[in-house]
Amino acid sequence: MAKIMIVDNVAFERVTLKDIVGQVGHEVVAEINNGFDLLKAYKQTKPDFVIMDITFPDDDGMEVLKELFENFPDAKVCICTAMAQQAIIIQAVQLGVKDFIVKPYNAERIKESLKKYLG
């Protein structure tokens, strides 16, 4: 069982992702609703995998990603966002993001990502 962190400012999205993660037998160790709290929560919970949006009302998700990888270069991150612009995808992958899923996503696609990167 892997430890998963979910980062999304929309409560419904967090609930949905938590349910999907539970279906494949992993544990959600943190649910964060903004990028500001991500680093603190990551340090405290040491998740095996992070599923996060990069669009937040009060902070820049790409900047948060940069900080995450600067502090935790081995972090495994999957981006789930409606922002499917090629430049964003390229930048995220260059930073170290493992997977990029476009919203609206389906449960099977999330499960696929978890299986691929967590075994």
PDB file of N, CA and C in Angstrom:
ATOM      1  N   MET A   1       0.843  -1.179   0.000  1.00  0.00           N
ATOM      2  CA  MET A   1       0.000   0.000   0.000  1.00  0.00           C
ATOM      3  C   MET A   1       0.886   1.240   0.000  1.00  0.00           C
ATOM      4  N   ALA A   2       0.651   2.119  -0.951  1.00  0.00           N
ATOM      5  CA  ALA A   2       1.423   3.351  -1.072  1.00  0.00           C
ATOM      6  C   ALA A   2       0.694   4.510  -0.396  1.00  0.00           C
ATOM      7  N   LYS A   3       1.477   5.517  -0.008  1.00  0.00           N
ATOM      8  CA  LYS A   3       0.931   6.734   0.594  1.00  0.00           C
ATOM      9  C   LYS A   3       0.768   7.778  -0.503  1.00  0.00           C
ATOM     10  N   ILE A   4      -0.451   8.308  -0.636  1.00  0.00           N
ATOM     11  CA  ILE A   4      -0.782   9.242  -1.714  1.00  0.00           C
ATOM     12  C   ILE A   4      -1.205  10.589  -1.128  1.00  0.00           C
ATOM     13  N   MET A   5      -0.731  11.659  -1.753  1.00  0.00           N
ATOM     14  CA  MET A   5      -1.174  13.009  -1.416  1.00  0.00           C
ATOM     15  C   MET A   5      -2.014  13.532  -2.580  1.00  0.00           C
ATOM     16  N   ILE A   6      -3.149  14.140  -2.247  1.00  0.00           N
ATOM     17  CA  ILE A   6      -4.027  14.729  -3.249  1.00  0.00           C
ATOM     18  C   ILE A   6      -4.040  16.242  -3.035  1.00  0.00           C
ATOM     19  N   VAL A   7      -3.808  16.990  -4.128  1.00  0.00           N
ATOM     20  CA  VAL A   7      -3.770  18.448  -4.050  1.00  0.00           C
ATOM     21  C   VAL A   7      -4.706  19.013  -5.117  1.00  0.00           C
ATOM     22  N   ASP A   8      -5.828  19.556  -4.671  1.00  0.00           N
ATOM     23  CA  ASP A   8      -6.800  20.155  -5.588  1.00  0.00           C
ATOM     24  C   ASP A   8      -7.662  21.105  -4.780  1.00  0.00           C
ATOM     25  N   ASN A   9      -7.943  22.270  -5.318  1.00  0.00           N
ATOM     26  CA  ASN A   9      -8.743  23.239  -4.576  1.00  0.00           C
ATOM     27  C   ASN A   9     -10.244  22.942  -4.626  1.00  0.00           C
ATOM     28  N   VAL A  10     -10.653  21.971  -5.416  1.00  0.00           N
ATOM     29  CA  VAL A  10     -12.067  21.611  -5.525  1.00  0.00           C
ATOM     30  C   VAL A  10     -12.334  20.367  -4.660  1.00  0.00           C
ATOM     31  N   ALA A  11     -13.179  20.536  -3.645  1.00  0.00           N
ATOM     32  CA  ALA A  11     -13.452  19.451  -2.698  1.00  0.00           C
ATOM     33  C   ALA A  11     -13.973  18.192  -3.397  1.00  0.00           C
ATOM     34  N   PHE A  12     -14.861  18.360  -4.368  1.00  0.00           N
ATOM     35  CA  PHE A  12     -15.416  17.206  -5.083  1.00  0.00           C
ATOM     36  C   PHE A  12     -14.313  16.402  -5.771  1.00  0.00           C
ATOM     37  N   GLU A  13     -13.356  17.088  -6.358  1.00  0.00           N
ATOM     38  CA  GLU A  13     -12.238  16.406  -7.027  1.00  0.00           C
ATOM     39  C   GLU A  13     -11.417  15.606  -6.017  1.00  0.00           C
ATOM     40  N   ARG A  14     -11.167  16.195  -4.842  1.00  0.00           N
ATOM     41  CA  ARG A  14     -10.403  15.483  -3.809  1.00  0.00           C
ATOM     42  C   ARG A  14     -11.141  14.226  -3.352  1.00  0.00           C
ATOM     43  N   VAL A  15     -12.444  14.351  -3.149  1.00  0.00           N
ATOM     44  CA  VAL A  15     -13.247  13.196  -2.723  1.00  0.00           C
ATOM     45  C   VAL A  15     -13.215  12.104  -3.787  1.00  0.00           C
ATOM     46  N   THR A  16     -13.382  12.488  -5.038  1.00  0.00           N
ATOM     47  CA  THR A  16     -13.368  11.523  -6.141  1.00  0.00           C
ATOM     48  C   THR A  16     -12.018  10.821  -6.232  1.00  0.00           C
ATOM     49  N   LEU A  17     -10.942  11.598  -6.171  1.00  0.00           N
ATOM     50  CA  LEU A  17      -9.605  10.999  -6.250  1.00  0.00           C
ATOM     51  C   LEU A  17      -9.332  10.085  -5.057  1.00  0.00           C
ATOM     52  N   LYS A  18      -9.769  10.502  -3.877  1.00  0.00           N
ATOM     53  CA  LYS A  18      -9.573   9.672  -2.681  1.00  0.00           C
ATOM     54  C   LYS A  18     -10.276   8.326  -2.845  1.00  0.00           C
ATOM     55  N   ASP A  19     -11.473   8.342  -3.406  1.00  0.00           N
ATOM     56  CA  ASP A  19     -12.217   7.104  -3.648  1.00  0.00           C
ATOM     57  C   ASP A  19     -11.475   6.202  -4.636  1.00  0.00           C
ATOM     58  N   ILE A  20     -10.966   6.777  -5.703  1.00  0.00           N
ATOM     59  CA  ILE A  20     -10.232   6.003  -6.713  1.00  0.00           C
ATOM     60  C   ILE A  20      -8.972   5.395  -6.100  1.00  0.00           C
ATOM     61  N   VAL A  21      -8.239   6.192  -5.343  1.00  0.00           N
ATOM     62  CA  VAL A  21      -7.012   5.712  -4.687  1.00  0.00           C
ATOM     63  C   VAL A  21      -7.342   4.550  -3.751  1.00  0.00           C
ATOM     64  N   GLY A  22      -8.420   4.675  -3.007  1.00  0.00           N
ATOM     65  CA  GLY A  22      -8.839   3.607  -2.105  1.00  0.00           C
ATOM     66  C   GLY A  22      -9.220   2.334  -2.835  1.00  0.00           C
ATOM     67  N   GLN A  23      -9.810   2.462  -4.019  1.00  0.00           N
ATOM     68  CA  GLN A  23     -10.219   1.298  -4.804  1.00  0.00           C
ATOM     69  C   GLN A  23      -9.037   0.416  -5.186  1.00  0.00           C
ATOM     70  N   VAL A  24      -7.862   1.002  -5.331  1.00  0.00           N
ATOM     71  CA  VAL A  24      -6.683   0.210  -5.710  1.00  0.00           C
ATOM     72  C   VAL A  24      -5.805  -0.112  -4.503  1.00  0.00           C
ATOM     73  N   GLY A  25      -6.329   0.169  -3.303  1.00  0.00           N
ATOM     74  CA  GLY A  25      -5.646  -0.271  -2.091  1.00  0.00           C
ATOM     75  C   GLY A  25      -4.569   0.638  -1.547  1.00  0.00           C
ATOM     76  N   HIS A  26      -4.543   1.888  -1.991  1.00  0.00           N
ATOM     77  CA  HIS A  26      -3.558   2.825  -1.460  1.00  0.00           C
ATOM     78  C   HIS A  26      -4.222   3.732  -0.422  1.00  0.00           C
ATOM     79  N   GLU A  27      -3.394   4.411   0.357  1.00  0.00           N
ATOM     80  CA  GLU A  27      -3.876   5.269   1.425  1.00  0.00           C
ATOM     81  C   GLU A  27      -3.617   6.737   1.096  1.00  0.00           C
ATOM     82  N   VAL A  28      -4.634   7.566   1.250  1.00  0.00           N
ATOM     83  CA  VAL A  28      -4.454   9.002   1.094  1.00  0.00           C
ATOM     84  C   VAL A  28      -3.983   9.545   2.443  1.00  0.00           C
ATOM     85  N   VAL A  29      -2.748  10.053   2.465  1.00  0.00           N
ATOM     86  CA  VAL A  29      -2.161  10.546   3.711  1.00  0.00           C
ATOM     87  C   VAL A  29      -2.328  12.051   3.878  1.00  0.00           C
ATOM     88  N   ALA A  30      -2.706  12.745   2.811  1.00  0.00           N
ATOM     89  CA  ALA A  30      -2.931  14.185   2.900  1.00  0.00           C
ATOM     90  C   ALA A  30      -3.826  14.631   1.761  1.00  0.00           C
ATOM     91  N   GLU A  31      -4.762  15.511   2.103  1.00  0.00           N
ATOM     92  CA  GLU A  31      -5.606  16.188   1.114  1.00  0.00           C
ATOM     93  C   GLU A  31      -5.360  17.674   1.291  1.00  0.00           C
ATOM     94  N   ILE A  32      -4.801  18.297   0.271  1.00  0.00           N
ATOM     95  CA  ILE A  32      -4.421  19.701   0.335  1.00  0.00           C
ATOM     96  C   ILE A  32      -5.271  20.471  -0.680  1.00  0.00           C
ATOM     97  N   ASN A  33      -5.747  21.657  -0.280  1.00  0.00           N
ATOM     98  CA  ASN A  33      -6.607  22.411  -1.196  1.00  0.00           C
ATOM     99  C   ASN A  33      -5.900  23.600  -1.841  1.00  0.00           C
ATOM    100  N   ASN A  34      -4.576  23.707  -1.654  1.00  0.00           N
ATOM    101  CA  ASN A  34      -3.835  24.791  -2.300  1.00  0.00           C
ATOM    102  C   ASN A  34      -2.367  24.418  -2.403  1.00  0.00           C
ATOM    103  N   GLY A  35      -1.656  25.153  -3.208  1.00  0.00           N
ATOM    104  CA  GLY A  35      -0.240  24.887  -3.397  1.00  0.00           C
ATOM    105  C   GLY A  35       0.626  25.340  -2.240  1.00  0.00           C
ATOM    106  N   PHE A  36       0.164  26.347  -1.513  1.00  0.00           N
ATOM    107  CA  PHE A  36       0.960  26.891  -0.408  1.00  0.00           C
ATOM    108  C   PHE A  36       1.304  25.826   0.633  1.00  0.00           C
ATOM    109  N   ASP A  37       0.347  24.939   0.910  1.00  0.00           N
ATOM    110  CA  ASP A  37       0.531  23.941   1.964  1.00  0.00           C
ATOM    111  C   ASP A  37       1.207  22.661   1.482  1.00  0.00           C
ATOM    112  N   LEU A  38       1.453  22.559   0.203  1.00  0.00           N
ATOM    113  CA  LEU A  38       1.989  21.325  -0.366  1.00  0.00           C
ATOM    114  C   LEU A  38       3.341  20.939   0.234  1.00  0.00           C
ATOM    115  N   LEU A  39       4.289  21.850   0.268  1.00  0.00           N
ATOM    116  CA  LEU A  39       5.631  21.501   0.738  1.00  0.00           C
ATOM    117  C   LEU A  39       5.631  21.074   2.202  1.00  0.00           C
ATOM    118  N   LYS A  40       4.911  21.802   3.015  1.00  0.00           N
ATOM    119  CA  LYS A  40       4.828  21.461   4.438  1.00  0.00           C
ATOM    120  C   LYS A  40       4.215  20.063   4.616  1.00  0.00           C
ATOM    121  N   ALA A  41       3.116  19.815   3.931  1.00  0.00           N
ATOM    122  CA  ALA A  41       2.446  18.521   4.038  1.00  0.00           C
ATOM    123  C   ALA A  41       3.308  17.399   3.466  1.00  0.00           C
ATOM    124  N   TYR A  42       4.031  17.694   2.387  1.00  0.00           N
ATOM    125  CA  TYR A  42       4.903  16.682   1.787  1.00  0.00           C
ATOM    126  C   TYR A  42       5.992  16.283   2.779  1.00  0.00           C
ATOM    127  N   LYS A  43       6.591  17.266   3.406  1.00  0.00           N
ATOM    128  CA  LYS A  43       7.659  17.003   4.383  1.00  0.00           C
ATOM    129  C   LYS A  43       7.126  16.183   5.560  1.00  0.00           C
ATOM    130  N   GLN A  44       5.913  16.480   6.002  1.00  0.00           N
ATOM    131  CA  GLN A  44       5.326  15.783   7.144  1.00  0.00           C
ATOM    132  C   GLN A  44       4.896  14.355   6.817  1.00  0.00           C
ATOM    133  N   THR A  45       4.314  14.153   5.637  1.00  0.00           N
ATOM    134  CA  THR A  45       3.718  12.848   5.320  1.00  0.00           C
ATOM    135  C   THR A  45       4.596  11.949   4.466  1.00  0.00           C
ATOM    136  N   LYS A  46       5.554  12.529   3.750  1.00  0.00           N
ATOM    137  CA  LYS A  46       6.446  11.780   2.860  1.00  0.00           C
ATOM    138  C   LYS A  46       5.671  10.794   1.962  1.00  0.00           C
ATOM    139  N   PRO A  47       4.802  11.321   1.114  1.00  0.00           N
ATOM    140  CA  PRO A  47       3.999  10.435   0.265  1.00  0.00           C
ATOM    141  C   PRO A  47       4.848   9.756  -0.810  1.00  0.00           C
ATOM    142  N   ASP A  48       4.352   8.620  -1.271  1.00  0.00           N
ATOM    143  CA  ASP A  48       5.004   7.903  -2.370  1.00  0.00           C
ATOM    144  C   ASP A  48       4.620   8.498  -3.720  1.00  0.00           C
ATOM    145  N   PHE A  49       3.487   9.198  -3.759  1.00  0.00           N
ATOM    146  CA  PHE A  49       2.961   9.703  -5.025  1.00  0.00           C
ATOM    147  C   PHE A  49       2.054  10.893  -4.737  1.00  0.00           C
ATOM    148  N   VAL A  50       2.115  11.905  -5.581  1.00  0.00           N
ATOM    149  CA  VAL A  50       1.280  13.097  -5.450  1.00  0.00           C
ATOM    150  C   VAL A  50       0.425  13.223  -6.701  1.00  0.00           C
ATOM    151  N   ILE A  51      -0.874  13.370  -6.483  1.00  0.00           N
ATOM    152  CA  ILE A  51      -1.808  13.654  -7.583  1.00  0.00           C
ATOM    153  C   ILE A  51      -2.268  15.082  -7.356  1.00  0.00           C
ATOM    154  N   MET A  52      -1.974  15.966  -8.311  1.00  0.00           N
ATOM    155  CA  MET A  52      -2.288  17.371  -8.072  1.00  0.00           C
ATOM    156  C   MET A  52      -2.749  18.119  -9.308  1.00  0.00           C
ATOM    157  N   ASP A  53      -3.552  19.121  -9.053  1.00  0.00           N
ATOM    158  CA  ASP A  53      -3.912  20.086 -10.077  1.00  0.00           C
ATOM    159  C   ASP A  53      -2.811  21.147 -10.068  1.00  0.00           C
ATOM    160  N   ILE A  54      -2.724  21.934 -11.106  1.00  0.00           N
ATOM    161  CA  ILE A  54      -1.751  23.030 -11.103  1.00  0.00           C
ATOM    162  C   ILE A  54      -2.436  24.388 -11.206  1.00  0.00           C
ATOM    163  N   THR A  55      -3.768  24.380 -11.167  1.00  0.00           N
ATOM    164  CA  THR A  55      -4.525  25.615 -11.236  1.00  0.00           C
ATOM    165  C   THR A  55      -5.163  25.888  -9.876  1.00  0.00           C
ATOM    166  N   PHE A  56      -4.710  26.954  -9.233  1.00  0.00           N
ATOM    167  CA  PHE A  56      -5.232  27.341  -7.926  1.00  0.00           C
ATOM    168  C   PHE A  56      -5.610  28.818  -7.968  1.00  0.00           C
ATOM    169  N   PRO A  57      -6.608  29.222  -7.179  1.00  0.00           N
ATOM    170  CA  PRO A  57      -7.021  30.630  -7.210  1.00  0.00           C
ATOM    171  C   PRO A  57      -5.948  31.587  -6.691  1.00  0.00           C
ATOM    172  N   ASP A  58      -5.147  31.164  -5.715  1.00  0.00           N
ATOM    173  CA  ASP A  58      -4.239  32.098  -5.056  1.00  0.00           C
ATOM    174  C   ASP A  58      -2.753  31.815  -5.230  1.00  0.00           C
ATOM    175  N   ASP A  59      -2.398  30.776  -5.972  1.00  0.00           N
ATOM    176  CA  ASP A  59      -0.976  30.510  -6.178  1.00  0.00           C
ATOM    177  C   ASP A  59      -0.743  29.846  -7.529  1.00  0.00           C
ATOM    178  N   ASP A  60       0.496  29.829  -7.941  1.00  0.00           N
ATOM    179  CA  ASP A  60       0.900  29.316  -9.237  1.00  0.00           C
ATOM    180  C   ASP A  60       1.370  27.871  -9.092  1.00  0.00           C
ATOM    181  N   GLY A  61       0.601  26.946  -9.631  1.00  0.00           N
ATOM    182  CA  GLY A  61       0.916  25.527  -9.520  1.00  0.00           C
ATOM    183  C   GLY A  61       2.266  25.148 -10.095  1.00  0.00           C
ATOM    184  N   MET A  62       2.696  25.804 -11.161  1.00  0.00           N
ATOM    185  CA  MET A  62       4.005  25.489 -11.744  1.00  0.00           C
ATOM    186  C   MET A  62       5.127  25.927 -10.804  1.00  0.00           C
ATOM    187  N   GLU A  63       4.955  27.051 -10.135  1.00  0.00           N
ATOM    188  CA  GLU A  63       5.954  27.492  -9.162  1.00  0.00           C
ATOM    189  C   GLU A  63       6.011  26.535  -7.978  1.00  0.00           C
ATOM    190  N   VAL A  64       4.852  26.069  -7.570  1.00  0.00           N
ATOM    191  CA  VAL A  64       4.797  25.094  -6.479  1.00  0.00           C
ATOM    192  C   VAL A  64       5.531  23.815  -6.887  1.00  0.00           C
ATOM    193  N   LEU A  65       5.307  23.382  -8.118  1.00  0.00           N
ATOM    194  CA  LEU A  65       6.021  22.190  -8.624  1.00  0.00           C
ATOM    195  C   LEU A  65       7.532  22.396  -8.593  1.00  0.00           C
ATOM    196  N   LYS A  66       7.977  23.551  -9.059  1.00  0.00           N
ATOM    197  CA  LYS A  66       9.418  23.849  -9.046  1.00  0.00           C
ATOM    198  C   LYS A  66       9.978  23.731  -7.635  1.00  0.00           C
ATOM    199  N   GLU A  67       9.284  24.319  -6.669  1.00  0.00           N
ATOM    200  CA  GLU A  67       9.734  24.257  -5.283  1.00  0.00           C
ATOM    201  C   GLU A  67       9.729  22.822  -4.762  1.00  0.00           C
ATOM    202  N   LEU A  68       8.701  22.072  -5.115  1.00  0.00           N
ATOM    203  CA  LEU A  68       8.622  20.684  -4.678  1.00  0.00           C
ATOM    204  C   LEU A  68       9.834  19.895  -5.162  1.00  0.00           C
ATOM    205  N   PHE A  69      10.142  20.015  -6.459  1.00  0.00           N
ATOM    206  CA  PHE A  69      11.259  19.246  -7.011  1.00  0.00           C
ATOM    207  C   PHE A  69      12.617  19.774  -6.553  1.00  0.00           C
ATOM    208  N   GLU A  70      12.708  21.054  -6.236  1.00  0.00           N
ATOM    209  CA  GLU A  70      13.954  21.590  -5.674  1.00  0.00           C
ATOM    210  C   GLU A  70      14.216  20.999  -4.296  1.00  0.00           C
ATOM    211  N   ASN A  71      13.161  20.844  -3.507  1.00  0.00           N
ATOM    212  CA  ASN A  71      13.283  20.324  -2.149  1.00  0.00           C
ATOM    213  C   ASN A  71      13.231  18.802  -2.075  1.00  0.00           C
ATOM    214  N   PHE A  72      12.502  18.191  -2.994  1.00  0.00           N
ATOM    215  CA  PHE A  72      12.318  16.744  -2.994  1.00  0.00           C
ATOM    216  C   PHE A  72      12.470  16.222  -4.428  1.00  0.00           C
ATOM    217  N   PRO A  73      13.699  16.124  -4.922  1.00  0.00           N
ATOM    218  CA  PRO A  73      13.917  15.767  -6.328  1.00  0.00           C
ATOM    219  C   PRO A  73      13.394  14.386  -6.731  1.00  0.00           C
ATOM    220  N   ASP A  74      13.178  13.507  -5.764  1.00  0.00           N
ATOM    221  CA  ASP A  74      12.680  12.163  -6.079  1.00  0.00           C
ATOM    222  C   ASP A  74      11.158  12.059  -6.015  1.00  0.00           C
ATOM    223  N   ALA A  75      10.469  13.181  -5.812  1.00  0.00           N
ATOM    224  CA  ALA A  75       9.012  13.158  -5.720  1.00  0.00           C
ATOM    225  C   ALA A  75       8.409  12.593  -7.005  1.00  0.00           C
ATOM    226  N   LYS A  76       7.377  11.783  -6.840  1.00  0.00           N
ATOM    227  CA  LYS A  76       6.621  11.258  -7.981  1.00  0.00           C
ATOM    228  C   LYS A  76       5.303  12.005  -8.030  1.00  0.00           C
ATOM    229  N   VAL A  77       5.086  12.715  -9.138  1.00  0.00           N
ATOM    230  CA  VAL A  77       3.912  13.583  -9.258  1.00  0.00           C
ATOM    231  C   VAL A  77       3.159  13.278 -10.539  1.00  0.00           C
ATOM    232  N   CYS A  78       1.841  13.216 -10.411  1.00  0.00           N
ATOM    233  CA  CYS A  78       0.933  13.121 -11.552  1.00  0.00           C
ATOM    234  C   CYS A  78       0.073  14.376 -11.528  1.00  0.00           C
ATOM    235  N   ILE A  79       0.060  15.103 -12.624  1.00  0.00           N
ATOM    236  CA  ILE A  79      -0.764  16.304 -12.753  1.00  0.00           C
ATOM    237  C   ILE A  79      -2.125  15.907 -13.322  1.00  0.00           C
ATOM    238  N   CYS A  80      -3.191  16.367 -12.669  1.00  0.00           N
ATOM    239  CA  CYS A  80      -4.557  16.218 -13.176  1.00  0.00           C
ATOM    240  C   CYS A  80      -5.132  17.614 -13.298  1.00  0.00           C
ATOM    241  N   THR A  81      -5.287  18.076 -14.516  1.00  0.00           N
ATOM    242  CA  THR A  81      -5.736  19.450 -14.704  1.00  0.00           C
ATOM    243  C   THR A  81      -6.522  19.605 -15.997  1.00  0.00           C
ATOM    244  N   ALA A  82      -7.298  20.654 -16.054  1.00  0.00           N
ATOM    245  CA  ALA A  82      -8.014  20.991 -17.285  1.00  0.00           C
ATOM    246  C   ALA A  82      -7.119  21.797 -18.222  1.00  0.00           C
ATOM    247  N   MET A  83      -5.981  22.246 -17.731  1.00  0.00           N
ATOM    248  CA  MET A  83      -5.039  23.053 -18.512  1.00  0.00           C
ATOM    249  C   MET A  83      -4.149  22.135 -19.360  1.00  0.00           C
ATOM    250  N   ALA A  84      -4.610  21.784 -20.526  1.00  0.00           N
ATOM    251  CA  ALA A  84      -3.905  20.822 -21.367  1.00  0.00           C
ATOM    252  C   ALA A  84      -3.061  21.487 -22.446  1.00  0.00           C
ATOM    253  N   GLN A  85      -2.582  22.671 -22.191  1.00  0.00           N
ATOM    254  CA  GLN A  85      -1.756  23.362 -23.168  1.00  0.00           C
ATOM    255  C   GLN A  85      -0.397  22.671 -23.274  1.00  0.00           C
ATOM    256  N   GLN A  86       0.065  22.508 -24.486  1.00  0.00           N
ATOM    257  CA  GLN A  86       1.305  21.774 -24.730  1.00  0.00           C
ATOM    258  C   GLN A  86       2.486  22.371 -23.961  1.00  0.00           C
ATOM    259  N   ALA A  87       2.580  23.675 -23.890  1.00  0.00           N
ATOM    260  CA  ALA A  87       3.693  24.321 -23.185  1.00  0.00           C
ATOM    261  C   ALA A  87       3.698  23.953 -21.704  1.00  0.00           C
ATOM    262  N   ILE A  88       2.516  23.877 -21.101  1.00  0.00           N
ATOM    263  CA  ILE A  88       2.419  23.506 -19.687  1.00  0.00           C
ATOM    264  C   ILE A  88       2.834  22.058 -19.494  1.00  0.00           C
ATOM    265  N   ILE A  89       2.381  21.188 -20.376  1.00  0.00           N
ATOM    266  CA  ILE A  89       2.741  19.775 -20.289  1.00  0.00           C
ATOM    267  C   ILE A  89       4.251  19.611 -20.403  1.00  0.00           C
ATOM    268  N   ILE A  90       4.852  20.267 -21.378  1.00  0.00           N
ATOM    269  CA  ILE A  90       6.302  20.172 -21.576  1.00  0.00           C
ATOM    270  C   ILE A  90       7.051  20.688 -20.357  1.00  0.00           C
ATOM    271  N   GLN A  91       6.646  21.843 -19.850  1.00  0.00           N
ATOM    272  CA  GLN A  91       7.315  22.411 -18.679  1.00  0.00           C
ATOM    273  C   GLN A  91       7.194  21.479 -17.473  1.00  0.00           C
ATOM    274  N   ALA A  92       6.016  20.915 -17.264  1.00  0.00           N
ATOM    275  CA  ALA A  92       5.801  20.015 -16.129  1.00  0.00           C
ATOM    276  C   ALA A  92       6.678  18.767 -16.241  1.00  0.00           C
ATOM    277  N   VAL A  93       6.746  18.192 -17.413  1.00  0.00           N
ATOM    278  CA  VAL A  93       7.576  16.999 -17.619  1.00  0.00           C
ATOM    279  C   VAL A  93       9.056  17.343 -17.432  1.00  0.00           C
ATOM    280  N   GLN A  94       9.480  18.490 -17.919  1.00  0.00           N
ATOM    281  CA  GLN A  94      10.873  18.904 -17.737  1.00  0.00           C
ATOM    282  C   GLN A  94      11.207  19.090 -16.257  1.00  0.00           C
ATOM    283  N   LEU A  95      10.239  19.511 -15.468  1.00  0.00           N
ATOM    284  CA  LEU A  95      10.467  19.664 -14.029  1.00  0.00           C
ATOM    285  C   LEU A  95      10.596  18.318 -13.333  1.00  0.00           C
ATOM    286  N   GLY A  96       9.955  17.280 -13.893  1.00  0.00           N
ATOM    287  CA  GLY A  96      10.046  15.958 -13.284  1.00  0.00           C
ATOM    288  C   GLY A  96       8.724  15.251 -13.095  1.00  0.00           C
ATOM    289  N   VAL A  97       7.624  15.838 -13.562  1.00  0.00           N
ATOM    290  CA  VAL A  97       6.320  15.215 -13.436  1.00  0.00           C
ATOM    291  C   VAL A  97       6.311  13.881 -14.190  1.00  0.00           C
ATOM    292  N   LYS A  98       5.757  12.858 -13.549  1.00  0.00           N
ATOM    293  CA  LYS A  98       5.736  11.514 -14.131  1.00  0.00           C
ATOM    294  C   LYS A  98       4.601  11.312 -15.119  1.00  0.00           C
ATOM    295  N   ASP A  99       3.449  11.915 -14.838  1.00  0.00           N
ATOM    296  CA  ASP A  99       2.286  11.678 -15.681  1.00  0.00           C
ATOM    297  C   ASP A  99       1.440  12.947 -15.727  1.00  0.00           C
ATOM    298  N   PHE A 100       0.656  13.087 -16.784  1.00  0.00           N
ATOM    299  CA  PHE A 100      -0.184  14.263 -17.004  1.00  0.00           C
ATOM    300  C   PHE A 100      -1.542  13.769 -17.482  1.00  0.00           C
ATOM    301  N   ILE A 101      -2.570  14.015 -16.695  1.00  0.00           N
ATOM    302  CA  ILE A 101      -3.913  13.556 -17.028  1.00  0.00           C
ATOM    303  C   ILE A 101      -4.823  14.777 -17.167  1.00  0.00           C
ATOM    304  N   VAL A 102      -5.540  14.832 -18.261  1.00  0.00           N
ATOM    305  CA  VAL A 102      -6.411  15.972 -18.544  1.00  0.00           C
ATOM    306  C   VAL A 102      -7.800  15.712 -17.962  1.00  0.00           C
ATOM    307  N   LYS A 103      -8.319  16.727 -17.249  1.00  0.00           N
ATOM    308  CA  LYS A 103      -9.696  16.665 -16.743  1.00  0.00           C
ATOM    309  C   LYS A 103     -10.653  16.953 -17.876  1.00  0.00           C
ATOM    310  N   PRO A 104     -11.805  16.395 -17.916  1.00  0.00           N
ATOM    311  CA  PRO A 104     -12.295  15.425 -16.943  1.00  0.00           C
ATOM    312  C   PRO A 104     -11.623  14.070 -17.162  1.00  0.00           C
ATOM    313  N   TYR A 105     -11.106  13.510 -16.106  1.00  0.00           N
ATOM    314  CA  TYR A 105     -10.432  12.221 -16.167  1.00  0.00           C
ATOM    315  C   TYR A 105     -11.419  11.125 -15.813  1.00  0.00           C
ATOM    316  N   ASN A 106     -11.019   9.899 -16.110  1.00  0.00           N
ATOM    317  CA  ASN A 106     -11.840   8.780 -15.665  1.00  0.00           C
ATOM    318  C   ASN A 106     -11.026   7.952 -14.664  1.00  0.00           C
ATOM    319  N   ALA A 107     -11.720   7.185 -13.874  1.00  0.00           N
ATOM    320  CA  ALA A 107     -11.087   6.414 -12.804  1.00  0.00           C
ATOM    321  C   ALA A 107     -10.021   5.464 -13.348  1.00  0.00           C
ATOM    322  N   GLU A 108     -10.278   4.865 -14.484  1.00  0.00           N
ATOM    323  CA  GLU A 108      -9.314   3.893 -15.036  1.00  0.00           C
ATOM    324  C   GLU A 108      -7.986   4.554 -15.379  1.00  0.00           C
ATOM    325  N   ARG A 109      -8.040   5.774 -15.854  1.00  0.00           N
ATOM    326  CA  ARG A 109      -6.802   6.487 -16.206  1.00  0.00           C
ATOM    327  C   ARG A 109      -5.987   6.791 -14.948  1.00  0.00           C
ATOM    328  N   ILE A 110      -6.639   7.155 -13.865  1.00  0.00           N
ATOM    329  CA  ILE A 110      -5.949   7.403 -12.605  1.00  0.00           C
ATOM    330  C   ILE A 110      -5.344   6.099 -12.088  1.00  0.00           C
ATOM    331  N   LYS A 111      -6.114   5.026 -12.131  1.00  0.00           N
ATOM    332  CA  LYS A 111      -5.632   3.722 -11.668  1.00  0.00           C
ATOM    333  C   LYS A 111      -4.414   3.276 -12.480  1.00  0.00           C
ATOM    334  N   GLU A 112      -4.469   3.525 -13.794  1.00  0.00           N
ATOM    335  CA  GLU A 112      -3.353   3.202 -14.685  1.00  0.00           C
ATOM    336  C   GLU A 112      -2.068   3.910 -14.228  1.00  0.00           C
ATOM    337  N   SER A 113      -2.184   5.178 -13.922  1.00  0.00           N
ATOM    338  CA  SER A 113      -1.032   5.963 -13.497  1.00  0.00           C
ATOM    339  C   SER A 113      -0.479   5.440 -12.180  1.00  0.00           C
ATOM    340  N   LEU A 114      -1.348   5.166 -11.241  1.00  0.00           N
ATOM    341  CA  LEU A 114      -0.910   4.627  -9.945  1.00  0.00           C
ATOM    342  C   LEU A 114      -0.190   3.295 -10.130  1.00  0.00           C
ATOM    343  N   LYS A 115      -0.749   2.442 -10.952  1.00  0.00           N
ATOM    344  CA  LYS A 115      -0.134   1.126 -11.173  1.00  0.00           C
ATOM    345  C   LYS A 115       1.221   1.277 -11.867  1.00  0.00           C
ATOM    346  N   LYS A 116       1.282   2.147 -12.852  1.00  0.00           N
ATOM    347  CA  LYS A 116       2.518   2.326 -13.614  1.00  0.00           C
ATOM    348  C   LYS A 116       3.668   2.822 -12.722  1.00  0.00           C
ATOM    349  N   TYR A 117       3.382   3.748 -11.828  1.00  0.00           N
ATOM    350  CA  TYR A 117       4.451   4.354 -11.055  1.00  0.00           C
ATOM    351  C   TYR A 117       4.624   3.801  -9.652  1.00  0.00           C
ATOM    352  N   LEU A 118       3.672   2.986  -9.215  1.00  0.00           N
ATOM    353  CA  LEU A 118       3.788   2.410  -7.883  1.00  0.00           C
ATOM    354  C   LEU A 118       3.820   0.883  -7.896  1.00  0.00           C
ATOM    355  N   GLY A 119       3.578   0.310  -9.060  1.00  0.00           N
ATOM    356  CA  GLY A 119       3.607  -1.146  -9.162  1.00  0.00           C
ATOM    357  C   GLY A 119       2.308  -1.795  -8.743  1.00  0.00           C
TER     358      GLY A 119
END
